[in-house]
Amino acid sequence: MSANTAQNALYSIYIDQSAVVLYLDDGSGYGTGRFVSSQSDYGIAYDFALELARQKGLSFIDQAAQSGC
């Protein structure tokens, strides 16, 4: 996690037909997929989302890392 990320950040996990997606939750909502969970710790959210994708046989997309986390 970057030092630029606020300590009170939330990471949200969504699932759709083709992927499990991890977002840095900025409160704007994402609208696609089904909300699964939120977590304040990036590592825990990442591990959970990755394992969920593996168990469901879906792709994993880490949008939190792509947003500068």
PDB file of N, CA and C in Angstrom:
ATOM      1  N   MET A   1       0.845  -1.177   0.000  1.00  0.00           N
ATOM      2  CA  MET A   1       0.000   0.000   0.000  1.00  0.00           C
ATOM      3  C   MET A   1       0.883   1.229   0.000  1.00  0.00           C
ATOM      4  N   SER A   2       0.547   2.196  -0.775  1.00  0.00           N
ATOM      5  CA  SER A   2       1.303   3.430  -0.904  1.00  0.00           C
ATOM      6  C   SER A   2       1.110   4.319   0.315  1.00  0.00           C
ATOM      7  N   ALA A   3       2.100   5.114   0.623  1.00  0.00           N
ATOM      8  CA  ALA A   3       1.989   6.074   1.715  1.00  0.00           C
ATOM      9  C   ALA A   3       0.976   7.157   1.383  1.00  0.00           C
ATOM     10  N   ASN A   4       0.637   7.299   0.110  1.00  0.00           N
ATOM     11  CA  ASN A   4      -0.339   8.299  -0.302  1.00  0.00           C
ATOM     12  C   ASN A   4      -1.775   7.866  -0.041  1.00  0.00           C
ATOM     13  N   THR A   5      -1.998   6.605   0.257  1.00  0.00           N
ATOM     14  CA  THR A   5      -3.340   6.098   0.502  1.00  0.00           C
ATOM     15  C   THR A   5      -3.749   6.412   1.927  1.00  0.00           C
ATOM     16  N   ALA A   6      -4.939   6.928   2.106  1.00  0.00           N
ATOM     17  CA  ALA A   6      -5.438   7.261   3.435  1.00  0.00           C
ATOM     18  C   ALA A   6      -5.532   6.005   4.296  1.00  0.00           C
ATOM     19  N   GLN A   7      -5.223   6.171   5.573  1.00  0.00           N
ATOM     20  CA  GLN A   7      -5.253   5.022   6.467  1.00  0.00           C
ATOM     21  C   GLN A   7      -6.663   4.482   6.657  1.00  0.00           C
ATOM     22  N   ASN A   8      -7.678   5.288   6.454  1.00  0.00           N
ATOM     23  CA  ASN A   8      -9.049   4.829   6.632  1.00  0.00           C
ATOM     24  C   ASN A   8      -9.687   4.385   5.319  1.00  0.00           C
ATOM     25  N   ALA A   9      -8.879   4.015   4.352  1.00  0.00           N
ATOM     26  CA  ALA A   9      -9.377   3.552   3.057  1.00  0.00           C
ATOM     27  C   ALA A   9     -10.114   2.228   3.226  1.00  0.00           C
ATOM     28  N   LEU A  10     -11.082   2.008   2.363  1.00  0.00           N
ATOM     29  CA  LEU A  10     -11.790   0.739   2.308  1.00  0.00           C
ATOM     30  C   LEU A  10     -11.556   0.110   0.947  1.00  0.00           C
ATOM     31  N   TYR A  11     -11.405  -1.183   0.948  1.00  0.00           N
ATOM     32  CA  TYR A  11     -11.237  -1.953  -0.279  1.00  0.00           C
ATOM     33  C   TYR A  11     -12.463  -2.830  -0.421  1.00  0.00           C
ATOM     34  N   SER A  12     -13.137  -2.730  -1.561  1.00  0.00           N
ATOM     35  CA  SER A  12     -14.368  -3.469  -1.787  1.00  0.00           C
ATOM     36  C   SER A  12     -14.177  -4.527  -2.856  1.00  0.00           C
ATOM     37  N   ILE A  13     -14.837  -5.644  -2.644  1.00  0.00           N
ATOM     38  CA  ILE A  13     -14.744  -6.781  -3.550  1.00  0.00           C
ATOM     39  C   ILE A  13     -16.110  -6.997  -4.190  1.00  0.00           C
ATOM     40  N   TYR A  14     -16.091  -7.067  -5.518  1.00  0.00           N
ATOM     41  CA  TYR A  14     -17.301  -7.327  -6.301  1.00  0.00           C
ATOM     42  C   TYR A  14     -17.053  -8.556  -7.162  1.00  0.00           C
ATOM     43  N   ILE A  15     -18.138  -9.253  -7.495  1.00  0.00           N
ATOM     44  CA  ILE A  15     -18.036 -10.424  -8.366  1.00  0.00           C
ATOM     45  C   ILE A  15     -19.076 -10.293  -9.469  1.00  0.00           C
ATOM     46  N   ASP A  16     -18.661 -10.613 -10.689  1.00  0.00           N
ATOM     47  CA  ASP A  16     -19.604 -10.674 -11.806  1.00  0.00           C
ATOM     48  C   ASP A  16     -19.423 -12.007 -12.519  1.00  0.00           C
ATOM     49  N   GLN A  17     -19.950 -12.149 -13.700  1.00  0.00           N
ATOM     50  CA  GLN A  17     -19.916 -13.437 -14.398  1.00  0.00           C
ATOM     51  C   GLN A  17     -18.514 -13.872 -14.803  1.00  0.00           C
ATOM     52  N   SER A  18     -17.598 -12.920 -14.966  1.00  0.00           N
ATOM     53  CA  SER A  18     -16.284 -13.298 -15.484  1.00  0.00           C
ATOM     54  C   SER A  18     -15.110 -12.986 -14.568  1.00  0.00           C
ATOM     55  N   ALA A  19     -15.328 -12.232 -13.492  1.00  0.00           N
ATOM     56  CA  ALA A  19     -14.180 -11.829 -12.677  1.00  0.00           C
ATOM     57  C   ALA A  19     -14.579 -11.439 -11.255  1.00  0.00           C
ATOM     58  N   VAL A  20     -13.596 -11.541 -10.380  1.00  0.00           N
ATOM     59  CA  VAL A  20     -13.673 -10.960  -9.037  1.00  0.00           C
ATOM     60  C   VAL A  20     -12.825  -9.701  -9.103  1.00  0.00           C
ATOM     61  N   VAL A  21     -13.395  -8.576  -8.667  1.00  0.00           N
ATOM     62  CA  VAL A  21     -12.714  -7.294  -8.814  1.00  0.00           C
ATOM     63  C   VAL A  21     -12.525  -6.653  -7.438  1.00  0.00           C
ATOM     64  N   LEU A  22     -11.293  -6.226  -7.169  1.00  0.00           N
ATOM     65  CA  LEU A  22     -10.950  -5.530  -5.931  1.00  0.00           C
ATOM     66  C   LEU A  22     -10.782  -4.051  -6.249  1.00  0.00           C
ATOM     67  N   TYR A  23     -11.557  -3.205  -5.569  1.00  0.00           N
ATOM     68  CA  TYR A  23     -11.528  -1.757  -5.788  1.00  0.00           C
ATOM     69  C   TYR A  23     -11.054  -1.033  -4.543  1.00  0.00           C
ATOM     70  N   LEU A  24     -10.406   0.099  -4.721  1.00  0.00           N
ATOM     71  CA  LEU A  24     -10.229   1.056  -3.651  1.00  0.00           C
ATOM     72  C   LEU A  24     -11.542   1.813  -3.603  1.00  0.00           C
ATOM     73  N   ASP A  25     -12.297   1.647  -2.544  1.00  0.00           N
ATOM     74  CA  ASP A  25     -13.653   2.180  -2.451  1.00  0.00           C
ATOM     75  C   ASP A  25     -13.604   3.669  -2.149  1.00  0.00           C
ATOM     76  N   ASP A  26     -13.988   4.467  -3.135  1.00  0.00           N
ATOM     77  CA  ASP A  26     -14.018   5.915  -2.944  1.00  0.00           C
ATOM     78  C   ASP A  26     -15.434   6.426  -2.710  1.00  0.00           C
ATOM     79  N   GLY A  27     -16.380   5.510  -2.494  1.00  0.00           N
ATOM     80  CA  GLY A  27     -17.750   5.891  -2.199  1.00  0.00           C
ATOM     81  C   GLY A  27     -18.607   6.162  -3.421  1.00  0.00           C
ATOM     82  N   SER A  28     -18.048   6.035  -4.614  1.00  0.00           N
ATOM     83  CA  SER A  28     -18.818   6.351  -5.814  1.00  0.00           C
ATOM     84  C   SER A  28     -19.690   5.193  -6.287  1.00  0.00           C
ATOM     85  N   GLY A  29     -19.478   4.003  -5.764  1.00  0.00           N
ATOM     86  CA  GLY A  29     -20.246   2.844  -6.212  1.00  0.00           C
ATOM     87  C   GLY A  29     -19.769   2.397  -7.577  1.00  0.00           C
ATOM     88  N   TYR A  30     -19.987   1.164  -7.882  1.00  0.00           N
ATOM     89  CA  TYR A  30     -19.469   0.618  -9.129  1.00  0.00           C
ATOM     90  C   TYR A  30     -20.547   0.109 -10.048  1.00  0.00           C
ATOM     91  N   GLY A  31     -21.696  -0.240  -9.504  1.00  0.00           N
ATOM     92  CA  GLY A  31     -22.848  -0.553 -10.329  1.00  0.00           C
ATOM     93  C   GLY A  31     -22.844  -1.880 -11.047  1.00  0.00           C
ATOM     94  N   THR A  32     -21.705  -2.475 -11.311  1.00  0.00           N
ATOM     95  CA  THR A  32     -21.702  -3.753 -11.997  1.00  0.00           C
ATOM     96  C   THR A  32     -21.244  -4.835 -11.043  1.00  0.00           C
ATOM     97  N   GLY A  33     -21.821  -5.971 -11.166  1.00  0.00           N
ATOM     98  CA  GLY A  33     -21.454  -7.085 -10.314  1.00  0.00           C
ATOM     99  C   GLY A  33     -22.161  -7.035  -8.975  1.00  0.00           C
ATOM    100  N   ARG A  34     -21.879  -8.031  -8.179  1.00  0.00           N
ATOM    101  CA  ARG A  34     -22.499  -8.172  -6.868  1.00  0.00           C
ATOM    102  C   ARG A  34     -21.453  -7.867  -5.800  1.00  0.00           C
ATOM    103  N   PHE A  35     -21.832  -6.983  -4.874  1.00  0.00           N
ATOM    104  CA  PHE A  35     -20.952  -6.654  -3.770  1.00  0.00           C
ATOM    105  C   PHE A  35     -20.771  -7.880  -2.889  1.00  0.00           C
ATOM    106  N   VAL A  36     -19.514  -8.168  -2.515  1.00  0.00           N
ATOM    107  CA  VAL A  36     -19.213  -9.322  -1.671  1.00  0.00           C
ATOM    108  C   VAL A  36     -18.753  -8.877  -0.294  1.00  0.00           C
ATOM    109  N   SER A  37     -17.799  -7.927  -0.234  1.00  0.00           N
ATOM    110  CA  SER A  37     -17.198  -7.586   1.046  1.00  0.00           C
ATOM    111  C   SER A  37     -16.432  -6.276   0.954  1.00  0.00           C
ATOM    112  N   SER A  38     -16.216  -5.653   2.110  1.00  0.00           N
ATOM    113  CA  SER A  38     -15.301  -4.524   2.242  1.00  0.00           C
ATOM    114  C   SER A  38     -14.335  -4.832   3.368  1.00  0.00           C
ATOM    115  N   GLN A  39     -13.141  -4.278   3.249  1.00  0.00           N
ATOM    116  CA  GLN A  39     -12.099  -4.522   4.246  1.00  0.00           C
ATOM    117  C   GLN A  39     -11.207  -3.285   4.288  1.00  0.00           C
ATOM    118  N   SER A  40     -10.746  -2.924   5.465  1.00  0.00           N
ATOM    119  CA  SER A  40      -9.865  -1.760   5.579  1.00  0.00           C
ATOM    120  C   SER A  40      -8.404  -2.120   5.358  1.00  0.00           C
ATOM    121  N   ASP A  41      -8.070  -3.400   5.356  1.00  0.00           N
ATOM    122  CA  ASP A  41      -6.699  -3.847   5.156  1.00  0.00           C
ATOM    123  C   ASP A  41      -6.541  -4.395   3.731  1.00  0.00           C
ATOM    124  N   TYR A  42      -5.665  -3.758   2.940  1.00  0.00           N
ATOM    125  CA  TYR A  42      -5.483  -4.161   1.548  1.00  0.00           C
ATOM    126  C   TYR A  42      -5.043  -5.614   1.420  1.00  0.00           C
ATOM    127  N   GLY A  43      -4.086  -6.033   2.228  1.00  0.00           N
ATOM    128  CA  GLY A  43      -3.566  -7.400   2.145  1.00  0.00           C
ATOM    129  C   GLY A  43      -4.634  -8.448   2.378  1.00  0.00           C
ATOM    130  N   ILE A  44      -5.468  -8.217   3.375  1.00  0.00           N
ATOM    131  CA  ILE A  44      -6.548  -9.166   3.662  1.00  0.00           C
ATOM    132  C   ILE A  44      -7.558  -9.172   2.522  1.00  0.00           C
ATOM    133  N   ALA A  45      -7.931  -7.985   2.038  1.00  0.00           N
ATOM    134  CA  ALA A  45      -8.882  -7.899   0.925  1.00  0.00           C
ATOM    135  C   ALA A  45      -8.319  -8.581  -0.321  1.00  0.00           C
ATOM    136  N   TYR A  46      -7.054  -8.337  -0.609  1.00  0.00           N
ATOM    137  CA  TYR A  46      -6.400  -8.938  -1.776  1.00  0.00           C
ATOM    138  C   TYR A  46      -6.399 -10.465  -1.680  1.00  0.00           C
ATOM    139  N   ASP A  47      -5.961 -10.984  -0.536  1.00  0.00           N
ATOM    140  CA  ASP A  47      -5.910 -12.439  -0.358  1.00  0.00           C
ATOM    141  C   ASP A  47      -7.290 -13.070  -0.478  1.00  0.00           C
ATOM    142  N   PHE A  48      -8.287 -12.430   0.124  1.00  0.00           N
ATOM    143  CA  PHE A  48      -9.642 -12.954   0.065  1.00  0.00           C
ATOM    144  C   PHE A  48     -10.167 -12.963  -1.374  1.00  0.00           C
ATOM    145  N   ALA A  49      -9.998 -11.844  -2.074  1.00  0.00           N
ATOM    146  CA  ALA A  49     -10.488 -11.733  -3.449  1.00  0.00           C
ATOM    147  C   ALA A  49      -9.780 -12.726  -4.376  1.00  0.00           C
ATOM    148  N   LEU A  50      -8.481 -12.878  -4.202  1.00  0.00           N
ATOM    149  CA  LEU A  50      -7.717 -13.814  -5.015  1.00  0.00           C
ATOM    150  C   LEU A  50      -8.187 -15.249  -4.783  1.00  0.00           C
ATOM    151  N   GLU A  51      -8.388 -15.618  -3.540  1.00  0.00           N
ATOM    152  CA  GLU A  51      -8.858 -16.964  -3.216  1.00  0.00           C
ATOM    153  C   GLU A  51     -10.284 -17.190  -3.720  1.00  0.00           C
ATOM    154  N   LEU A  52     -11.137 -16.178  -3.605  1.00  0.00           N
ATOM    155  CA  LEU A  52     -12.510 -16.289  -4.118  1.00  0.00           C
ATOM    156  C   LEU A  52     -12.494 -16.522  -5.625  1.00  0.00           C
ATOM    157  N   ALA A  53     -11.669 -15.776  -6.339  1.00  0.00           N
ATOM    158  CA  ALA A  53     -11.559 -15.950  -7.790  1.00  0.00           C
ATOM    159  C   ALA A  53     -11.078 -17.362  -8.130  1.00  0.00           C
ATOM    160  N   ARG A  54     -10.089 -17.832  -7.391  1.00  0.00           N
ATOM    161  CA  ARG A  54      -9.564 -19.178  -7.626  1.00  0.00           C
ATOM    162  C   ARG A  54     -10.645 -20.234  -7.405  1.00  0.00           C
ATOM    163  N   GLN A  55     -11.379 -20.114  -6.315  1.00  0.00           N
ATOM    164  CA  GLN A  55     -12.416 -21.098  -5.999  1.00  0.00           C
ATOM    165  C   GLN A  55     -13.570 -21.069  -6.991  1.00  0.00           C
ATOM    166  N   LYS A  56     -13.890 -19.888  -7.517  1.00  0.00           N
ATOM    167  CA  LYS A  56     -14.987 -19.747  -8.481  1.00  0.00           C
ATOM    168  C   LYS A  56     -14.537 -19.997  -9.919  1.00  0.00           C
ATOM    169  N   GLY A  57     -13.229 -20.110 -10.146  1.00  0.00           N
ATOM    170  CA  GLY A  57     -12.715 -20.296 -11.497  1.00  0.00           C
ATOM    171  C   GLY A  57     -12.853 -19.042 -12.343  1.00  0.00           C
ATOM    172  N   LEU A  58     -12.735 -17.878 -11.707  1.00  0.00           N
ATOM    173  CA  LEU A  58     -12.887 -16.602 -12.394  1.00  0.00           C
ATOM    174  C   LEU A  58     -11.559 -15.864 -12.441  1.00  0.00           C
ATOM    175  N   SER A  59     -11.481 -14.877 -13.305  1.00  0.00           N
ATOM    176  CA  SER A  59     -10.319 -13.987 -13.345  1.00  0.00           C
ATOM    177  C   SER A  59     -10.334 -13.104 -12.108  1.00  0.00           C
ATOM    178  N   PHE A  60      -9.163 -12.584 -11.747  1.00  0.00           N
ATOM    179  CA  PHE A  60      -9.048 -11.631 -10.649  1.00  0.00           C
ATOM    180  C   PHE A  60      -8.504 -10.332 -11.195  1.00  0.00           C
ATOM    181  N   ILE A  61      -9.179  -9.232 -10.906  1.00  0.00           N
ATOM    182  CA  ILE A  61      -8.762  -7.915 -11.348  1.00  0.00           C
ATOM    183  C   ILE A  61      -8.544  -7.038 -10.123  1.00  0.00           C
ATOM    184  N   ASP A  62      -7.337  -6.515  -9.978  1.00  0.00           N
ATOM    185  CA  ASP A  62      -6.995  -5.658  -8.839  1.00  0.00           C
ATOM    186  C   ASP A  62      -7.023  -4.207  -9.283  1.00  0.00           C
ATOM    187  N   GLN A  63      -8.192  -3.598  -9.253  1.00  0.00           N
ATOM    188  CA  GLN A  63      -8.344  -2.184  -9.613  1.00  0.00           C
ATOM    189  C   GLN A  63      -7.733  -1.280  -8.558  1.00  0.00           C
ATOM    190  N   ALA A  64      -7.631  -1.750  -7.316  1.00  0.00           N
ATOM    191  CA  ALA A  64      -7.034  -0.947  -6.243  1.00  0.00           C
ATOM    192  C   ALA A  64      -5.572  -0.664  -6.550  1.00  0.00           C
ATOM    193  N   ALA A  65      -4.842  -1.668  -7.000  1.00  0.00           N
ATOM    194  CA  ALA A  65      -3.429  -1.492  -7.336  1.00  0.00           C
ATOM    195  C   ALA A  65      -3.283  -0.571  -8.547  1.00  0.00           C
ATOM    196  N   GLN A  66      -4.209  -0.686  -9.487  1.00  0.00           N
ATOM    197  CA  GLN A  66      -4.146   0.147 -10.691  1.00  0.00           C
ATOM    198  C   GLN A  66      -4.481   1.606 -10.400  1.00  0.00           C
ATOM    199  N   SER A  67      -5.173   1.839  -9.270  1.00  0.00           N
ATOM    200  CA  SER A  67      -5.544   3.219  -8.928  1.00  0.00           C
ATOM    201  C   SER A  67      -4.501   3.897  -8.053  1.00  0.00           C
ATOM    202  N   GLY A  68      -3.345   3.253  -7.889  1.00  0.00           N
ATOM    203  CA  GLY A  68      -2.253   3.874  -7.152  1.00  0.00           C
ATOM    204  C   GLY A  68      -2.169   3.469  -5.707  1.00  0.00           C
ATOM    205  N   CYS A  69      -2.809   2.399  -5.328  1.00  0.00           N
ATOM    206  CA  CYS A  69      -2.789   1.905  -3.955  1.00  0.00           C
ATOM    207  C   CYS A  69      -1.377   1.553  -3.550  1.00  0.00           C
TER     208      CYS A  69
END
